[in-house]
Amino acid sequence: MPPQLLIQTRLGIQVQELTPNLNDALNLRQDLKGLVINEMMPEALFVSHKENWRDVIKRGDIIMKVNGQDVKSTQELANWLANSRSGQSLEFLVLCFEH
């Protein structure tokens, strides 16, 4: 399954890798790495577990780490999701902005 489709199906979000141009556009430090959440899918369109994290993260927030490891690409996030088992928890570090 393509990384973006796996992320959308499992988490209900679409993400984009931070680049120097995107960091400029978002007024972020140039050395900041991660995945910016650019779309939140309606719960009806993905595997919903009624997770409360969807009440916390929003469009524009940045996923920085999964289980303590830096996440810099959609492929890295997709690998974490693909290698997780049903019921297994993953810890995300997300830079949240005031919305």
N, C-alpha and C. Protein backbone atom coordinates (compact mmCIF):
# COMPACT_ATOMS: atom_id res chain seq x y z
N MET A 1 0.85 -1.17 0.00
CA MET A 1 0.00 0.00 0.00
C MET A 1 0.91 1.25 0.00
N PRO A 2 0.61 2.23 -0.82
CA PRO A 2 1.41 3.46 -0.84
C PRO A 2 1.40 4.14 0.54
N PRO A 3 2.51 4.77 0.92
CA PRO A 3 2.60 5.38 2.26
C PRO A 3 1.45 6.33 2.59
N GLN A 4 1.11 7.24 1.69
CA GLN A 4 0.04 8.21 1.97
C GLN A 4 -1.29 7.52 2.22
N LEU A 5 -1.57 6.47 1.45
CA LEU A 5 -2.84 5.75 1.61
C LEU A 5 -2.87 5.01 2.94
N LEU A 6 -1.76 4.40 3.34
CA LEU A 6 -1.70 3.72 4.62
C LEU A 6 -1.91 4.70 5.76
N ILE A 7 -1.25 5.86 5.70
CA ILE A 7 -1.40 6.88 6.75
C ILE A 7 -2.84 7.37 6.81
N GLN A 8 -3.43 7.62 5.66
CA GLN A 8 -4.82 8.09 5.62
C GLN A 8 -5.76 7.03 6.17
N THR A 9 -5.55 5.79 5.80
CA THR A 9 -6.44 4.70 6.24
C THR A 9 -6.33 4.44 7.73
N ARG A 10 -5.11 4.44 8.25
CA ARG A 10 -4.89 4.09 9.66
C ARG A 10 -5.10 5.25 10.61
N LEU A 11 -4.73 6.48 10.19
CA LEU A 11 -4.79 7.62 11.10
C LEU A 11 -5.85 8.64 10.74
N GLY A 12 -6.34 8.60 9.50
CA GLY A 12 -7.35 9.56 9.10
C GLY A 12 -6.79 10.94 8.84
N ILE A 13 -5.51 11.01 8.48
CA ILE A 13 -4.88 12.29 8.18
C ILE A 13 -4.08 12.18 6.90
N GLN A 14 -3.80 13.31 6.30
CA GLN A 14 -2.84 13.38 5.21
C GLN A 14 -1.71 14.27 5.70
N VAL A 15 -0.49 13.89 5.37
CA VAL A 15 0.67 14.63 5.83
C VAL A 15 1.57 15.00 4.66
N GLN A 16 2.41 15.98 4.90
CA GLN A 16 3.37 16.43 3.90
C GLN A 16 4.70 16.63 4.61
N GLU A 17 5.77 16.19 3.98
CA GLU A 17 7.10 16.35 4.55
C GLU A 17 7.49 17.82 4.56
N LEU A 18 8.07 18.26 5.69
CA LEU A 18 8.56 19.62 5.76
C LEU A 18 9.77 19.78 4.85
N THR A 19 9.79 20.87 4.12
CA THR A 19 10.90 21.23 3.25
C THR A 19 11.31 22.65 3.61
N PRO A 20 12.48 23.10 3.16
CA PRO A 20 12.86 24.49 3.45
C PRO A 20 11.81 25.50 2.97
N ASN A 21 11.23 25.28 1.79
CA ASN A 21 10.20 26.20 1.28
C ASN A 21 8.95 26.18 2.15
N LEU A 22 8.54 25.00 2.57
CA LEU A 22 7.35 24.89 3.43
C LEU A 22 7.64 25.51 4.79
N ASN A 23 8.83 25.28 5.33
CA ASN A 23 9.20 25.91 6.60
C ASN A 23 9.12 27.43 6.50
N ASP A 24 9.61 27.98 5.38
CA ASP A 24 9.51 29.43 5.16
C ASP A 24 8.05 29.88 5.15
N ALA A 25 7.22 29.16 4.40
CA ALA A 25 5.81 29.53 4.27
C ALA A 25 5.08 29.47 5.61
N LEU A 26 5.50 28.54 6.48
CA LEU A 26 4.85 28.37 7.78
C LEU A 26 5.56 29.14 8.90
N ASN A 27 6.59 29.93 8.52
CA ASN A 27 7.38 30.69 9.50
C ASN A 27 8.01 29.79 10.56
N LEU A 28 8.58 28.67 10.11
CA LEU A 28 9.25 27.72 11.00
C LEU A 28 10.75 27.80 10.80
N ARG A 29 11.49 27.31 11.78
CA ARG A 29 12.95 27.22 11.65
C ARG A 29 13.30 26.33 10.46
N GLN A 30 14.37 26.68 9.76
CA GLN A 30 14.78 25.92 8.58
C GLN A 30 15.21 24.50 8.91
N ASP A 31 15.73 24.27 10.11
CA ASP A 31 16.22 22.94 10.46
C ASP A 31 15.14 22.04 11.04
N LEU A 32 13.91 22.53 11.15
CA LEU A 32 12.83 21.71 11.69
C LEU A 32 12.45 20.63 10.70
N LYS A 33 12.39 19.39 11.19
CA LYS A 33 12.03 18.23 10.35
C LYS A 33 10.77 17.59 10.92
N GLY A 34 9.98 17.00 10.06
CA GLY A 34 8.78 16.31 10.50
C GLY A 34 7.76 16.28 9.38
N LEU A 35 6.54 15.96 9.76
CA LEU A 35 5.43 15.84 8.81
C LEU A 35 4.31 16.77 9.24
N VAL A 36 3.97 17.71 8.39
CA VAL A 36 2.88 18.63 8.71
C VAL A 36 1.56 17.97 8.31
N ILE A 37 0.58 18.06 9.20
CA ILE A 37 -0.75 17.51 8.92
C ILE A 37 -1.46 18.52 8.03
N ASN A 38 -1.74 18.12 6.79
CA ASN A 38 -2.38 19.07 5.88
C ASN A 38 -3.85 18.76 5.63
N GLU A 39 -4.34 17.65 6.17
CA GLU A 39 -5.78 17.38 6.05
C GLU A 39 -6.21 16.36 7.10
N MET A 40 -7.33 16.63 7.72
CA MET A 40 -7.96 15.69 8.66
C MET A 40 -9.18 15.11 7.95
N MET A 41 -9.19 13.81 7.77
CA MET A 41 -10.28 13.16 7.06
C MET A 41 -11.47 12.97 8.01
N PRO A 42 -12.68 13.07 7.48
CA PRO A 42 -13.85 12.74 8.31
C PRO A 42 -13.74 11.31 8.81
N GLU A 43 -14.13 11.08 10.06
CA GLU A 43 -13.98 9.76 10.66
C GLU A 43 -14.63 8.65 9.85
N ALA A 44 -15.66 8.94 9.12
CA ALA A 44 -16.35 7.90 8.34
C ALA A 44 -15.48 7.36 7.21
N LEU A 45 -14.39 8.05 6.87
CA LEU A 45 -13.57 7.65 5.73
C LEU A 45 -12.33 6.84 6.11
N PHE A 46 -12.15 6.51 7.38
CA PHE A 46 -10.98 5.73 7.77
C PHE A 46 -11.34 4.78 8.89
N VAL A 47 -10.39 3.91 9.24
CA VAL A 47 -10.60 2.94 10.29
C VAL A 47 -10.66 3.70 11.62
N SER A 48 -11.84 3.92 12.11
CA SER A 48 -12.03 4.75 13.30
C SER A 48 -12.06 3.90 14.56
N HIS A 49 -11.30 4.35 15.53
CA HIS A 49 -11.33 3.72 16.85
C HIS A 49 -11.81 4.73 17.89
N LYS A 50 -12.38 5.83 17.41
CA LYS A 50 -12.87 6.89 18.29
C LYS A 50 -11.77 7.39 19.21
N GLU A 51 -10.58 7.53 18.65
CA GLU A 51 -9.42 7.97 19.42
C GLU A 51 -9.59 9.45 19.81
N ASN A 52 -9.22 9.76 21.04
CA ASN A 52 -9.36 11.14 21.51
C ASN A 52 -8.26 12.05 20.97
N TRP A 53 -7.20 11.50 20.36
CA TRP A 53 -6.15 12.35 19.81
C TRP A 53 -6.68 13.23 18.69
N ARG A 54 -7.77 12.83 18.06
CA ARG A 54 -8.33 13.65 16.98
C ARG A 54 -8.95 14.94 17.53
N ASP A 55 -9.19 14.97 18.84
CA ASP A 55 -9.68 16.20 19.46
C ASP A 55 -8.54 17.15 19.80
N VAL A 56 -7.30 16.66 19.71
CA VAL A 56 -6.13 17.45 20.08
C VAL A 56 -5.38 17.96 18.87
N ILE A 57 -5.06 17.08 17.93
CA ILE A 57 -4.29 17.51 16.76
C ILE A 57 -5.20 18.15 15.73
N LYS A 58 -4.61 19.05 14.99
CA LYS A 58 -5.36 19.78 13.97
C LYS A 58 -4.50 19.96 12.73
N ARG A 59 -5.11 20.41 11.69
CA ARG A 59 -4.40 20.75 10.46
C ARG A 59 -3.34 21.80 10.77
N GLY A 60 -2.13 21.59 10.28
CA GLY A 60 -1.03 22.50 10.52
C GLY A 60 -0.09 22.05 11.62
N ASP A 61 -0.51 21.09 12.46
CA ASP A 61 0.37 20.55 13.48
C ASP A 61 1.42 19.66 12.81
N ILE A 62 2.52 19.41 13.53
CA ILE A 62 3.65 18.70 12.92
C ILE A 62 3.99 17.46 13.75
N ILE A 63 3.97 16.30 13.10
CA ILE A 63 4.41 15.05 13.72
C ILE A 63 5.93 15.04 13.67
N MET A 64 6.55 14.98 14.85
CA MET A 64 8.01 15.06 14.96
C MET A 64 8.64 13.68 15.21
N LYS A 65 8.02 12.87 16.06
CA LYS A 65 8.59 11.58 16.45
C LYS A 65 7.50 10.53 16.61
N VAL A 66 7.90 9.28 16.41
CA VAL A 66 7.06 8.12 16.74
C VAL A 66 7.92 7.21 17.60
N ASN A 67 7.39 6.86 18.76
CA ASN A 67 8.11 6.01 19.72
C ASN A 67 9.54 6.51 19.96
N GLY A 68 9.69 7.82 20.08
CA GLY A 68 10.97 8.42 20.39
C GLY A 68 11.94 8.56 19.22
N GLN A 69 11.53 8.14 18.04
CA GLN A 69 12.39 8.21 16.86
C GLN A 69 11.91 9.32 15.93
N ASP A 70 12.86 10.11 15.41
CA ASP A 70 12.51 11.17 14.47
C ASP A 70 11.76 10.59 13.26
N VAL A 71 10.76 11.33 12.81
CA VAL A 71 10.01 10.95 11.61
C VAL A 71 10.13 12.12 10.63
N LYS A 72 10.82 11.87 9.52
CA LYS A 72 11.09 12.93 8.55
C LYS A 72 10.43 12.70 7.21
N SER A 73 9.82 11.52 7.02
CA SER A 73 9.22 11.23 5.72
C SER A 73 7.94 10.43 5.90
N THR A 74 7.10 10.50 4.88
CA THR A 74 5.86 9.72 4.91
C THR A 74 6.20 8.22 4.93
N GLN A 75 7.29 7.83 4.27
CA GLN A 75 7.69 6.42 4.26
C GLN A 75 8.03 5.94 5.67
N GLU A 76 8.73 6.77 6.45
CA GLU A 76 9.07 6.39 7.82
C GLU A 76 7.82 6.21 8.67
N LEU A 77 6.86 7.12 8.56
CA LEU A 77 5.60 6.98 9.31
C LEU A 77 4.84 5.76 8.85
N ALA A 78 4.77 5.54 7.55
CA ALA A 78 4.08 4.36 7.02
C ALA A 78 4.73 3.07 7.52
N ASN A 79 6.06 3.06 7.62
CA ASN A 79 6.75 1.87 8.13
C ASN A 79 6.35 1.57 9.57
N TRP A 80 6.27 2.62 10.42
CA TRP A 80 5.81 2.42 11.80
C TRP A 80 4.40 1.82 11.82
N LEU A 81 3.53 2.36 10.99
CA LEU A 81 2.14 1.87 10.96
C LEU A 81 2.07 0.45 10.43
N ALA A 82 2.81 0.16 9.37
CA ALA A 82 2.78 -1.17 8.77
C ALA A 82 3.32 -2.24 9.71
N ASN A 83 4.28 -1.86 10.56
CA ASN A 83 4.90 -2.82 11.47
C ASN A 83 4.21 -2.92 12.82
N SER A 84 3.15 -2.14 13.01
CA SER A 84 2.42 -2.21 14.27
C SER A 84 1.30 -3.25 14.14
N ARG A 85 0.96 -3.81 15.29
CA ARG A 85 -0.10 -4.83 15.34
C ARG A 85 -1.39 -4.22 15.89
N SER A 86 -2.48 -4.84 15.61
CA SER A 86 -3.77 -4.39 16.13
C SER A 86 -3.70 -4.31 17.65
N GLY A 87 -4.13 -3.19 18.20
CA GLY A 87 -4.13 -3.00 19.64
C GLY A 87 -2.83 -2.45 20.19
N GLN A 88 -1.79 -2.41 19.38
CA GLN A 88 -0.51 -1.88 19.82
C GLN A 88 -0.55 -0.36 19.83
N SER A 89 0.04 0.24 20.85
CA SER A 89 0.08 1.69 20.95
C SER A 89 1.38 2.23 20.35
N LEU A 90 1.27 3.35 19.68
CA LEU A 90 2.43 4.09 19.21
C LEU A 90 2.39 5.45 19.88
N GLU A 91 3.54 5.93 20.32
CA GLU A 91 3.63 7.23 20.97
C GLU A 91 4.09 8.27 19.95
N PHE A 92 3.29 9.30 19.77
CA PHE A 92 3.60 10.37 18.83
C PHE A 92 4.00 11.62 19.59
N LEU A 93 5.04 12.30 19.10
CA LEU A 93 5.38 13.63 19.58
C LEU A 93 4.94 14.59 18.48
N VAL A 94 3.97 15.44 18.81
CA VAL A 94 3.38 16.35 17.83
C VAL A 94 3.55 17.77 18.31
N LEU A 95 4.08 18.61 17.44
CA LEU A 95 4.18 20.03 17.72
C LEU A 95 2.83 20.64 17.35
N CYS A 96 2.06 21.04 18.37
CA CYS A 96 0.72 21.57 18.14
C CYS A 96 0.76 23.09 18.22
N PHE A 97 0.04 23.70 17.33
CA PHE A 97 -0.07 25.14 17.28
C PHE A 97 -1.44 25.56 17.78
N GLU A 98 -1.53 26.76 18.28
CA GLU A 98 -2.82 27.28 18.73
C GLU A 98 -3.71 27.43 17.51
N HIS A 99 -4.92 26.89 17.59
CA HIS A 99 -5.85 26.92 16.46
C HIS A 99 -7.03 27.80 16.79
